[in-house]
């Protein structure tokens, strides 16, 4: 029973900053796993996917807010919570795909540009998906502005799928997600995730240029 109580206390551990401001410890840990996964993705390593799944599972419990933690004063962001479930599902797909294409160097995929029809399709899904999910998330009681929650959900789905496919543009989709998601997280009181995603915004730009350079090298090799 002591071990069980310790596990429960560890799961619900908070850092109190006073004035009613608290930070959920597992939110910090989940984002650390997410950062490690992003670094692995930039280097095109298969281990990025299972590491990311661990982080997603932790953050899922955080964004459900008071649903899982009665003592929590944070609102539940259904789009943020739902996208952790989506992350896990798409990450399993990416994990399998990258394992199948893994080369002897350990780099699992060759970055390439998506076709223009694919780019247009991604843009259409981004806008249409946000419009379709906004009223649903509102009915379920997600935090305002609800469209921002829906935007981050749809964008995260497209970015994760693009990473699995090896499209260089997936980094730019993450930038679009962060531009909307960071203010949303701060306004809802999820400060650890907000700070982490603010850092992600810069990190994704670095990742984009790394993959862009690699895609140019690959294209030059094919032409030769």
Protein backbone atom coordinates (compact mmCIF):
# COMPACT_ATOMS: atom_id res chain seq x y z
CA UNK A 1 0.00 0.00 0.00
CA UNK A 2 2.92 2.34 0.74
CA UNK A 3 4.28 1.78 -2.76
CA UNK A 4 0.84 2.42 -4.29
CA UNK A 5 0.44 5.62 -2.25
CA UNK A 6 3.91 6.75 -3.34
CA UNK A 7 3.04 6.12 -7.00
CA UNK A 8 -0.19 8.09 -6.66
CA UNK A 9 1.60 10.98 -4.95
CA UNK A 10 4.31 10.96 -7.62
CA UNK A 11 1.69 10.93 -10.36
CA UNK A 12 -0.11 13.95 -8.90
CA UNK A 13 3.03 15.83 -7.81
CA UNK A 14 2.81 19.61 -8.26
CA UNK A 15 5.24 22.47 -7.87
CA UNK A 16 3.54 25.36 -6.08
CA UNK A 17 4.66 28.86 -7.10
CA UNK A 18 2.16 30.68 -4.89
CA UNK A 19 -0.83 32.84 -5.89
CA UNK A 20 -2.59 29.69 -6.99
CA UNK A 21 0.01 28.95 -9.69
CA UNK A 22 1.10 25.31 -9.85
CA UNK A 23 3.09 23.17 -12.24
CA UNK A 24 2.38 19.47 -12.76
CA UNK A 25 5.66 17.55 -12.58
CA UNK A 26 4.62 14.96 -15.15
CA UNK A 27 3.93 17.81 -17.58
CA UNK A 28 7.62 18.72 -17.37
CA UNK A 29 8.71 15.08 -17.71
CA UNK A 30 6.37 14.49 -20.65
CA UNK A 31 7.75 17.51 -22.48
CA UNK A 32 11.32 16.37 -21.87
CA UNK A 33 10.46 13.11 -23.59
CA UNK A 34 8.84 15.13 -26.39
CA UNK A 35 11.98 17.22 -26.84
CA UNK A 36 14.13 14.09 -26.97
CA UNK A 37 11.78 12.66 -29.60
CA UNK A 38 12.02 15.83 -31.69
CA UNK A 39 15.82 15.66 -31.55
CA UNK A 40 15.70 12.03 -32.67
CA UNK A 41 13.31 12.97 -35.47
CA UNK A 42 15.67 15.67 -36.72
CA UNK A 43 18.44 13.05 -36.84
CA UNK A 44 16.04 10.55 -38.43
CA UNK A 45 16.47 7.93 -35.70
CA UNK A 46 13.88 5.18 -35.20
CA UNK A 47 14.04 5.52 -31.40
CA UNK A 48 12.40 8.95 -31.72
CA UNK A 49 8.98 7.31 -32.07
CA UNK A 50 8.84 5.14 -28.89
CA UNK A 51 10.39 7.95 -26.84
CA UNK A 52 7.70 10.30 -28.13
CA UNK A 53 4.96 7.81 -27.27
CA UNK A 54 6.05 7.80 -23.62
CA UNK A 55 5.87 11.59 -23.55
CA UNK A 56 2.47 11.57 -25.22
CA UNK A 57 1.08 9.15 -22.64
CA UNK A 58 2.24 11.41 -19.80
CA UNK A 59 0.87 14.58 -21.40
CA UNK A 60 -2.47 12.90 -22.08
CA UNK A 61 -2.99 12.61 -18.35
CA UNK A 62 -1.99 16.26 -17.89
CA UNK A 63 -4.34 17.80 -20.45
CA UNK A 64 -7.33 15.92 -19.12
CA UNK A 65 -6.97 18.26 -16.15
CA UNK A 66 -9.48 17.74 -13.37
CA UNK A 67 -10.90 14.64 -15.06
CA UNK A 68 -8.00 12.56 -13.71
CA UNK A 69 -6.82 14.82 -10.91
CA UNK A 70 -9.67 16.19 -8.75
CA UNK A 71 -7.23 18.54 -7.01
CA UNK A 72 -6.22 20.16 -10.29
CA UNK A 73 -7.45 23.67 -11.02
CA UNK A 74 -6.34 23.55 -14.65
CA UNK A 75 -8.96 23.38 -17.41
CA UNK A 76 -9.02 20.33 -19.64
CA UNK A 77 -8.00 20.97 -23.24
CA UNK A 78 -9.73 18.26 -25.22
CA UNK A 79 -7.87 19.07 -28.42
CA UNK A 80 -4.53 18.87 -26.62
CA UNK A 81 -5.57 15.65 -24.87
CA UNK A 82 -7.01 14.16 -28.04
CA UNK A 83 -3.91 14.92 -30.02
CA UNK A 84 -1.82 12.90 -27.56
CA UNK A 85 -3.98 9.88 -28.44
CA UNK A 86 -3.56 10.77 -32.11
CA UNK A 87 0.20 11.13 -31.61
CA UNK A 88 0.41 7.64 -30.18
CA UNK A 89 -1.57 6.13 -33.07
CA UNK A 90 0.37 7.95 -35.81
CA UNK A 91 3.66 7.36 -33.99
CA UNK A 92 3.07 3.62 -34.14
CA UNK A 93 2.63 4.00 -37.91
CA UNK A 94 5.80 6.12 -38.15
CA UNK A 95 7.73 3.68 -35.98
CA UNK A 96 6.82 0.75 -38.22
CA UNK A 97 7.51 2.73 -41.41
CA UNK A 98 10.90 3.99 -40.29
CA UNK A 99 11.94 0.54 -39.11
CA UNK A 100 11.12 -0.81 -42.57
CA UNK A 101 13.20 1.86 -44.33
CA UNK A 102 16.07 2.08 -41.85
CA UNK A 103 19.45 2.02 -43.58
CA UNK A 104 22.80 0.82 -42.35
CA UNK A 105 23.62 4.34 -41.11
CA UNK A 106 20.72 4.17 -38.68
CA UNK A 107 18.91 7.01 -40.48
CA UNK A 108 15.45 5.73 -41.21
CA UNK A 109 14.17 8.02 -43.95
CA UNK A 110 15.47 10.29 -46.71
CA UNK A 111 13.93 13.78 -46.48
CA UNK A 112 12.12 14.92 -49.61
CA UNK A 113 9.69 17.63 -50.65
CA UNK A 114 6.03 16.79 -50.97
CA UNK A 115 4.37 17.31 -54.34
CA UNK A 116 2.26 20.42 -54.95
CA UNK A 117 -1.00 18.43 -54.94
CA UNK A 118 0.03 17.01 -51.55
CA UNK A 119 0.83 20.50 -50.22
CA UNK A 120 -2.55 21.81 -51.35
CA UNK A 121 -4.23 18.80 -49.77
CA UNK A 122 -2.45 19.44 -46.47
CA UNK A 123 -3.57 23.08 -46.47
CA UNK A 124 -7.18 22.13 -47.22
CA UNK A 125 -7.24 19.50 -44.47
CA UNK A 126 -5.70 21.97 -42.02
CA UNK A 127 -8.41 24.58 -42.57
CA UNK A 128 -11.35 22.24 -43.08
CA UNK A 129 -10.37 20.03 -40.15
CA UNK A 130 -10.12 23.02 -37.83
CA UNK A 131 -13.53 24.27 -38.93
CA UNK A 132 -15.09 20.84 -38.47
CA UNK A 133 -13.63 20.10 -35.04
CA UNK A 134 -14.17 23.53 -33.46
CA UNK A 135 -17.93 23.08 -32.78
CA UNK A 136 -17.30 19.52 -31.57
CA UNK A 137 -14.64 20.60 -29.08
CA UNK A 138 -16.86 23.47 -27.96
CA UNK A 139 -19.73 21.11 -27.20
CA UNK A 140 -17.36 18.89 -25.23
CA UNK A 141 -16.30 21.84 -23.10
CA UNK A 142 -12.81 22.57 -24.36
CA UNK A 143 -11.02 25.76 -23.30
CA UNK A 144 -11.48 28.99 -25.31
CA UNK A 145 -10.52 29.91 -27.94
CA UNK A 146 -11.73 26.52 -29.10
CA UNK A 147 -10.64 27.03 -32.72
CA UNK A 148 -7.02 27.26 -31.49
CA UNK A 149 -7.38 23.91 -29.75
CA UNK A 150 -8.78 22.41 -32.96
CA UNK A 151 -6.02 24.03 -35.05
CA UNK A 152 -3.26 22.53 -32.93
CA UNK A 153 -4.94 19.11 -33.05
CA UNK A 154 -5.27 19.02 -36.85
CA UNK A 155 -1.83 20.55 -37.43
CA UNK A 156 -0.19 18.07 -35.09
CA UNK A 157 -1.83 15.19 -36.95
CA UNK A 158 -0.58 16.45 -40.31
CA UNK A 159 2.92 17.23 -39.01
CA UNK A 160 3.34 13.80 -37.41
CA UNK A 161 2.09 12.06 -40.54
CA UNK A 162 4.40 14.21 -42.67
CA UNK A 163 7.35 13.22 -40.49
CA UNK A 164 6.48 9.54 -40.95
CA UNK A 165 6.36 10.07 -44.72
CA UNK A 166 9.64 11.98 -44.75
CA UNK A 167 8.22 15.27 -46.08
CA UNK A 168 10.46 18.23 -45.26
CA UNK A 169 7.40 20.49 -45.00
CA UNK A 170 6.30 18.80 -41.79
CA UNK A 171 8.63 21.13 -39.86
CA UNK A 172 6.78 24.17 -41.23
CA UNK A 173 3.45 22.69 -40.15
CA UNK A 174 4.86 22.48 -36.63
CA UNK A 175 5.75 26.16 -36.80
CA UNK A 176 2.13 26.96 -37.70
CA UNK A 177 0.97 24.80 -34.78
CA UNK A 178 3.31 26.50 -32.31
CA UNK A 179 2.28 30.02 -33.35
CA UNK A 180 -1.27 29.24 -32.23
CA UNK A 181 -0.59 26.63 -29.56
CA UNK A 182 1.89 28.56 -27.40
CA UNK A 183 -0.50 31.44 -26.53
CA UNK A 184 -3.28 28.89 -25.92
CA UNK A 185 -1.20 26.89 -23.46
CA UNK A 186 -0.06 29.97 -21.54
CA UNK A 187 -3.60 31.34 -21.30
CA UNK A 188 -4.85 27.99 -19.97
CA UNK A 189 -2.11 27.81 -17.33
CA UNK A 190 -0.04 25.01 -18.85
CA UNK A 191 3.22 26.90 -18.45
CA UNK A 192 5.65 24.00 -18.83
CA UNK A 193 4.10 22.97 -22.13
CA UNK A 194 3.87 26.60 -23.25
CA UNK A 195 7.57 27.20 -22.60
CA UNK A 196 8.51 23.91 -24.20
CA UNK A 197 6.49 24.64 -27.32
CA UNK A 198 7.97 28.12 -27.47
CA UNK A 199 11.36 26.42 -27.61
CA UNK A 200 9.98 23.95 -30.15
CA UNK A 201 9.21 26.90 -32.42
CA UNK A 202 12.92 27.68 -32.74
CA UNK A 203 13.86 24.01 -32.77
CA UNK A 204 11.51 23.25 -35.67
CA UNK A 205 13.12 25.99 -37.76
CA UNK A 206 16.51 24.37 -37.17
CA UNK A 207 15.06 20.97 -38.05
CA UNK A 208 13.56 22.37 -41.22
CA UNK A 209 16.91 23.67 -42.48
CA UNK A 210 18.64 20.39 -41.52
CA UNK A 211 16.13 18.37 -43.53
CA UNK A 212 16.14 20.94 -46.35
CA UNK A 213 19.92 20.63 -46.72
CA UNK A 214 19.67 16.85 -46.64
CA UNK A 215 16.93 16.82 -49.28
CA UNK A 216 19.11 18.98 -51.55
CA UNK A 217 22.03 16.61 -51.08
CA UNK A 218 19.81 13.66 -51.92
CA UNK A 219 18.47 15.42 -55.03
CA UNK A 220 22.02 16.26 -56.18
CA UNK A 221 23.10 12.63 -55.74
CA UNK A 222 20.13 11.40 -57.79
CA UNK A 223 20.89 13.88 -60.59
CA UNK A 224 24.54 12.78 -60.72
